[in-house]
Amino acid sequence: MTSFAPDSLVLNSKLPLWYQVSQSLRASILGRHADDPLRLPTEDGLAAHYGVSVLTMRQALKELEDEGLITRHRRRGTFIEPAALRGAPVKLLGSVDAIVAQQSGGRTAVLQHGPAKLPAGVAEHFPGLDEAIAFRRLRCDDTGEPTNWAENYVRPELAARIDLADLERWPMTKVLRDMLGVRISRITDTVEARLADPDTARLLQVPLLSPILHYTGVTYDDSGRAVDVVRIHYRGDRFSFTVTMEAP
């Protein structure tokens, strides 16, 4: 039986290895194609793929098993749980791969893209620019029910190189880093409770003024320049917000 092939990962010495591996594998699982195999490689194979010990790999897999993304069967192997993606939690855990994992999963449609004037709250991150290229996308779960919609404002010279097909499969963060080669240094996140405006209510199919989670993420390259500002609107009845901190 063919096994699912996870993405590669560049490890960061400042974060726990098991955590980095679990988030990278989580992003690969959530961003997989529908016809990808459900069986994962063996623990030994995954450990070799990520360049970590089998013990570290087991800890990473346990994290995904506890979350319900995978099931493990003695002598049969480890399998992706097809029905585990509904109602995924919003988690901000300290790495780019965590952000990719958070924003992956389900089916994504690009609703609109093109030049747009920078709105208040976004313009401050792009000094010297009057407009950027805006991408509006709607993400649905595997049943077709809307879960969130996002609007990204990207520097024009980078946006010109983006393949819309990639945006239908992967979060913008992954497209910028892995497809365009942008060296991302950090991402600043803000999450707050809001009420659904008419646009959000229509796209997410919820009543006007329903509670939503509003996420703002600013992505910086290694020169300290903002390359992408995203505003994601999550249905309040489908997401929770979790922060995990590692003790020194």
Protein backbone atom coordinates (compact mmCIF):
# COMPACT_ATOMS: atom_id res chain seq x y z
CA MET A 1 0.00 0.00 0.00
CA THR A 2 1.34 3.42 -0.97
CA SER A 3 2.00 5.78 1.95
CA PHE A 4 1.22 9.48 2.25
CA ALA A 5 4.31 11.65 1.60
CA PRO A 6 4.71 14.57 4.06
CA ASP A 7 6.49 17.81 3.21
CA SER A 8 10.08 18.41 4.25
CA LEU A 9 10.97 20.63 7.23
CA VAL A 10 13.88 22.86 8.23
CA LEU A 11 14.16 22.47 12.01
CA ASN A 12 14.52 25.44 14.35
CA SER A 13 16.78 24.85 17.36
CA LYS A 14 14.75 27.30 19.48
CA LEU A 15 11.57 25.18 19.47
CA PRO A 16 10.93 21.60 20.67
CA LEU A 17 11.61 19.13 17.87
CA TRP A 18 8.47 17.07 18.49
CA TYR A 19 6.35 20.21 18.24
CA GLN A 20 7.91 21.35 14.96
CA VAL A 21 7.51 17.89 13.44
CA SER A 22 3.89 17.58 14.59
CA GLN A 23 2.98 20.97 13.11
CA SER A 24 4.73 20.27 9.81
CA LEU A 25 3.03 16.89 9.50
CA ARG A 26 -0.29 18.45 10.50
CA ALA A 27 0.03 21.03 7.71
CA SER A 28 0.82 18.27 5.20
CA ILE A 29 -2.21 16.27 6.31
CA LEU A 30 -4.61 19.23 6.17
CA GLY A 31 -3.27 20.35 2.79
CA ARG A 32 -3.30 16.95 1.13
CA HIS A 33 -5.20 16.14 -2.06
CA ALA A 34 -8.41 14.15 -1.67
CA ASP A 35 -6.90 11.19 -3.55
CA ASP A 36 -3.66 11.09 -1.54
CA PRO A 37 -3.07 7.85 0.41
CA LEU A 38 -4.34 7.79 4.01
CA ARG A 39 -1.60 5.57 5.36
CA LEU A 40 1.46 7.31 6.84
CA PRO A 41 4.99 5.95 6.55
CA THR A 42 6.35 3.95 9.49
CA GLU A 43 7.72 5.69 12.58
CA ASP A 44 11.24 4.85 11.40
CA GLY A 45 10.51 6.22 7.94
CA LEU A 46 9.03 9.46 9.29
CA ALA A 47 11.90 9.90 11.75
CA ALA A 48 14.40 9.53 8.90
CA HIS A 49 12.39 11.92 6.72
CA TYR A 50 12.46 14.66 9.37
CA GLY A 51 15.94 13.84 10.70
CA VAL A 52 14.79 13.22 14.29
CA SER A 53 14.83 10.29 16.69
CA VAL A 54 12.06 7.69 16.75
CA LEU A 55 11.21 8.84 20.29
CA THR A 56 10.71 12.42 19.04
CA MET A 57 8.60 11.10 16.17
CA ARG A 58 6.39 9.13 18.56
CA GLN A 59 5.77 12.24 20.64
CA ALA A 60 4.82 14.19 17.50
CA LEU A 61 2.45 11.44 16.36
CA LYS A 62 0.84 11.27 19.80
CA GLU A 63 0.06 15.00 19.53
CA LEU A 64 -1.74 14.40 16.22
CA GLU A 65 -3.48 11.31 17.58
CA ASP A 66 -4.74 13.24 20.61
CA GLU A 67 -6.07 15.89 18.24
CA GLY A 68 -7.92 13.23 16.25
CA LEU A 69 -6.07 13.75 12.96
CA ILE A 70 -4.60 10.23 12.86
CA THR A 71 -5.35 6.77 14.20
CA ARG A 72 -2.67 4.22 15.06
CA HIS A 73 -3.21 0.47 14.79
CA ARG A 74 -0.80 -2.12 16.11
CA ARG A 75 0.83 -4.06 13.26
CA ARG A 76 -1.36 -2.27 10.65
CA GLY A 77 0.22 1.19 10.80
CA THR A 78 -0.80 4.83 11.19
CA PHE A 79 -3.62 6.33 9.14
CA ILE A 80 -5.00 9.82 8.50
CA GLU A 81 -8.51 10.15 9.87
CA PRO A 82 -10.61 11.43 6.92
CA ALA A 83 -13.41 12.86 9.09
CA ALA A 84 -11.16 14.63 11.60
CA LEU A 85 -11.02 18.07 9.95
CA ARG A 86 -14.41 19.46 10.93
CA GLY A 87 -14.24 22.22 13.54
CA ALA A 88 -10.44 22.46 13.69
CA PRO A 89 -9.15 24.67 16.54
CA VAL A 90 -7.28 27.92 15.96
CA LYS A 91 -3.84 27.47 17.55
CA LEU A 92 -1.03 29.99 17.77
CA LEU A 93 1.97 28.02 18.95
CA GLY A 94 5.05 29.89 17.84
CA SER A 95 6.30 28.72 14.44
CA VAL A 96 5.64 29.35 10.75
CA ASP A 97 4.61 25.72 10.36
CA ALA A 98 2.00 26.24 13.10
CA ILE A 99 0.53 29.10 11.09
CA VAL A 100 0.49 26.95 7.94
CA ALA A 101 -1.20 24.16 9.87
CA GLN A 102 -3.78 26.53 11.33
CA GLN A 103 -4.74 27.88 7.91
CA SER A 104 -4.76 24.55 6.05
CA GLY A 105 -7.52 22.06 5.43
CA GLY A 106 -10.81 21.79 3.61
CA ARG A 107 -11.45 23.26 0.16
CA THR A 108 -10.45 26.78 -0.78
CA ALA A 109 -11.81 28.90 -3.63
CA VAL A 110 -10.22 32.13 -4.85
CA LEU A 111 -13.15 34.56 -5.05
CA GLN A 112 -11.31 37.63 -6.34
CA HIS A 113 -7.82 39.02 -6.86
CA GLY A 114 -6.37 42.23 -8.19
CA PRO A 115 -5.02 45.69 -7.26
CA ALA A 116 -6.69 47.24 -4.23
CA LYS A 117 -6.27 50.39 -2.18
CA LEU A 118 -4.80 49.60 1.22
CA PRO A 119 -7.48 49.84 3.94
CA ALA A 120 -6.97 51.34 7.37
CA GLY A 121 -4.98 49.03 9.59
CA VAL A 122 -3.18 47.51 6.60
CA ALA A 123 -1.57 50.59 5.01
CA GLU A 124 0.64 51.15 8.07
CA HIS A 125 2.48 47.92 7.28
CA PHE A 126 3.29 48.99 3.70
CA PRO A 127 4.91 52.45 3.98
CA GLY A 128 5.38 54.06 0.57
CA LEU A 129 2.69 51.93 -1.12
CA ASP A 130 -0.78 53.18 -2.03
CA GLU A 131 -2.07 49.80 -3.11
CA ALA A 132 -1.24 46.09 -3.03
CA ILE A 133 -2.67 43.00 -4.69
CA ALA A 134 -5.64 41.65 -2.74
CA PHE A 135 -6.65 37.99 -2.75
CA ARG A 136 -10.05 37.03 -1.34
CA ARG A 137 -10.58 33.35 -0.61
CA LEU A 138 -13.35 31.25 0.92
CA ARG A 139 -12.53 28.03 2.75
CA CYS A 140 -15.13 25.28 3.22
CA ASP A 141 -15.00 21.96 5.02
CA ASP A 142 -15.32 18.64 3.21
CA THR A 143 -19.12 18.90 3.30
CA GLY A 144 -19.04 22.25 1.50
CA GLU A 145 -20.00 24.32 4.54
CA PRO A 146 -18.08 27.64 4.82
CA THR A 147 -15.69 27.86 7.77
CA ASN A 148 -13.75 31.08 7.12
CA TRP A 149 -12.83 33.61 4.49
CA ALA A 150 -9.56 35.46 4.10
CA GLU A 151 -8.30 38.60 2.44
CA ASN A 152 -4.55 38.86 1.82
CA TYR A 153 -2.74 42.03 0.80
CA VAL A 154 0.54 41.12 -0.88
CA ARG A 155 3.34 43.27 -2.32
CA PRO A 156 2.75 43.60 -6.09
CA GLU A 157 6.14 42.20 -7.16
CA LEU A 158 5.47 39.02 -5.17
CA ALA A 159 1.80 38.74 -6.10
CA ALA A 160 2.72 38.72 -9.80
CA ARG A 161 4.51 35.39 -9.26
CA ILE A 162 1.69 33.62 -7.38
CA ASP A 163 -0.10 30.74 -9.08
CA LEU A 164 -3.79 30.84 -8.14
CA ALA A 165 -3.87 27.04 -8.24
CA ASP A 166 -1.40 27.02 -5.34
CA LEU A 167 -3.68 29.31 -3.34
CA GLU A 168 -6.53 26.85 -3.77
CA ARG A 169 -4.45 24.19 -2.05
CA TRP A 170 -2.10 25.98 0.35
CA PRO A 171 -2.17 28.96 2.74
CA MET A 172 -0.48 32.15 1.53
CA THR A 173 2.32 31.67 4.08
CA LYS A 174 3.34 28.37 2.50
CA VAL A 175 3.05 29.78 -1.04
CA LEU A 176 5.31 32.72 -0.19
CA ARG A 177 7.89 30.61 1.63
CA ASP A 178 7.97 27.37 -0.37
CA MET A 179 6.85 28.35 -3.87
CA LEU A 180 8.27 31.89 -4.12
CA GLY A 181 11.29 31.40 -1.85
CA VAL A 182 10.54 34.33 0.48
CA ARG A 183 12.72 34.08 3.60
CA ILE A 184 10.14 34.64 6.35
CA SER A 185 11.59 35.95 9.60
CA ARG A 186 8.45 36.32 11.71
CA ILE A 187 4.67 36.56 11.72
CA THR A 188 2.78 38.85 14.10
CA ASP A 189 -0.71 37.60 14.98
CA THR A 190 -3.74 39.26 16.52
CA VAL A 191 -7.00 37.45 17.31
CA GLU A 192 -10.09 39.24 18.53
CA ALA A 193 -13.83 38.70 18.85
CA ARG A 194 -16.04 40.62 16.43
CA LEU A 195 -19.56 40.59 15.02
CA ALA A 196 -20.20 39.47 11.46
CA ASP A 197 -20.61 42.35 9.01
CA PRO A 198 -22.86 41.89 5.95
CA ASP A 199 -20.00 40.59 3.75
CA THR A 200 -18.86 38.05 6.33
CA ALA A 201 -22.41 36.96 7.17
CA ARG A 202 -23.11 36.32 3.50
CA LEU A 203 -19.89 34.41 2.80
CA LEU A 204 -19.98 32.30 5.97
CA GLN A 205 -23.75 31.77 5.81
CA VAL A 206 -24.39 33.02 9.34
CA PRO A 207 -26.82 35.64 10.69
CA LEU A 208 -25.75 39.27 10.59
CA LEU A 209 -23.89 40.30 13.78
CA SER A 210 -23.09 36.67 14.67
CA PRO A 211 -19.90 36.26 16.74
CA ILE A 212 -16.78 35.53 14.69
CA LEU A 213 -13.06 35.24 15.37
CA HIS A 214 -11.09 37.87 13.49
CA TYR A 215 -7.44 36.99 12.86
CA THR A 216 -4.86 39.45 11.53
CA GLY A 217 -1.43 38.18 10.53
CA VAL A 218 1.50 40.29 9.32
CA THR A 219 4.29 38.35 7.61
CA TYR A 220 7.80 39.85 7.47
CA ASP A 221 10.76 38.79 5.35
CA ASP A 222 14.34 38.59 6.62
CA SER A 223 14.90 42.29 5.86
CA GLY A 224 12.10 43.23 8.28
CA ARG A 225 9.75 44.27 5.48
CA ALA A 226 6.07 43.27 5.59
CA VAL A 227 5.28 41.12 2.54
CA ASP A 228 1.74 40.01 3.35
CA VAL A 229 -1.07 41.15 5.63
CA VAL A 230 -3.98 38.73 6.01
CA ARG A 231 -7.33 39.19 7.71
CA ILE A 232 -9.18 35.91 8.28
CA HIS A 233 -12.78 35.74 9.47
CA TYR A 234 -13.61 32.49 11.28
CA ARG A 235 -17.10 31.31 12.14
CA GLY A 236 -17.43 31.58 15.91
CA ASP A 237 -19.40 28.33 16.16
CA ARG A 238 -16.70 26.34 14.39
CA PHE A 239 -13.44 27.41 16.03
CA SER A 240 -11.81 27.75 19.41
CA PHE A 241 -8.67 29.67 20.32
CA THR A 242 -5.79 27.92 22.08
CA VAL A 243 -2.37 29.21 23.10
CA THR A 244 0.33 26.77 24.24
CA MET A 245 3.48 27.97 26.01
CA GLU A 246 6.54 25.84 26.63
CA ALA A 247 8.07 26.07 30.11
CA PRO A 248 11.84 26.77 30.08
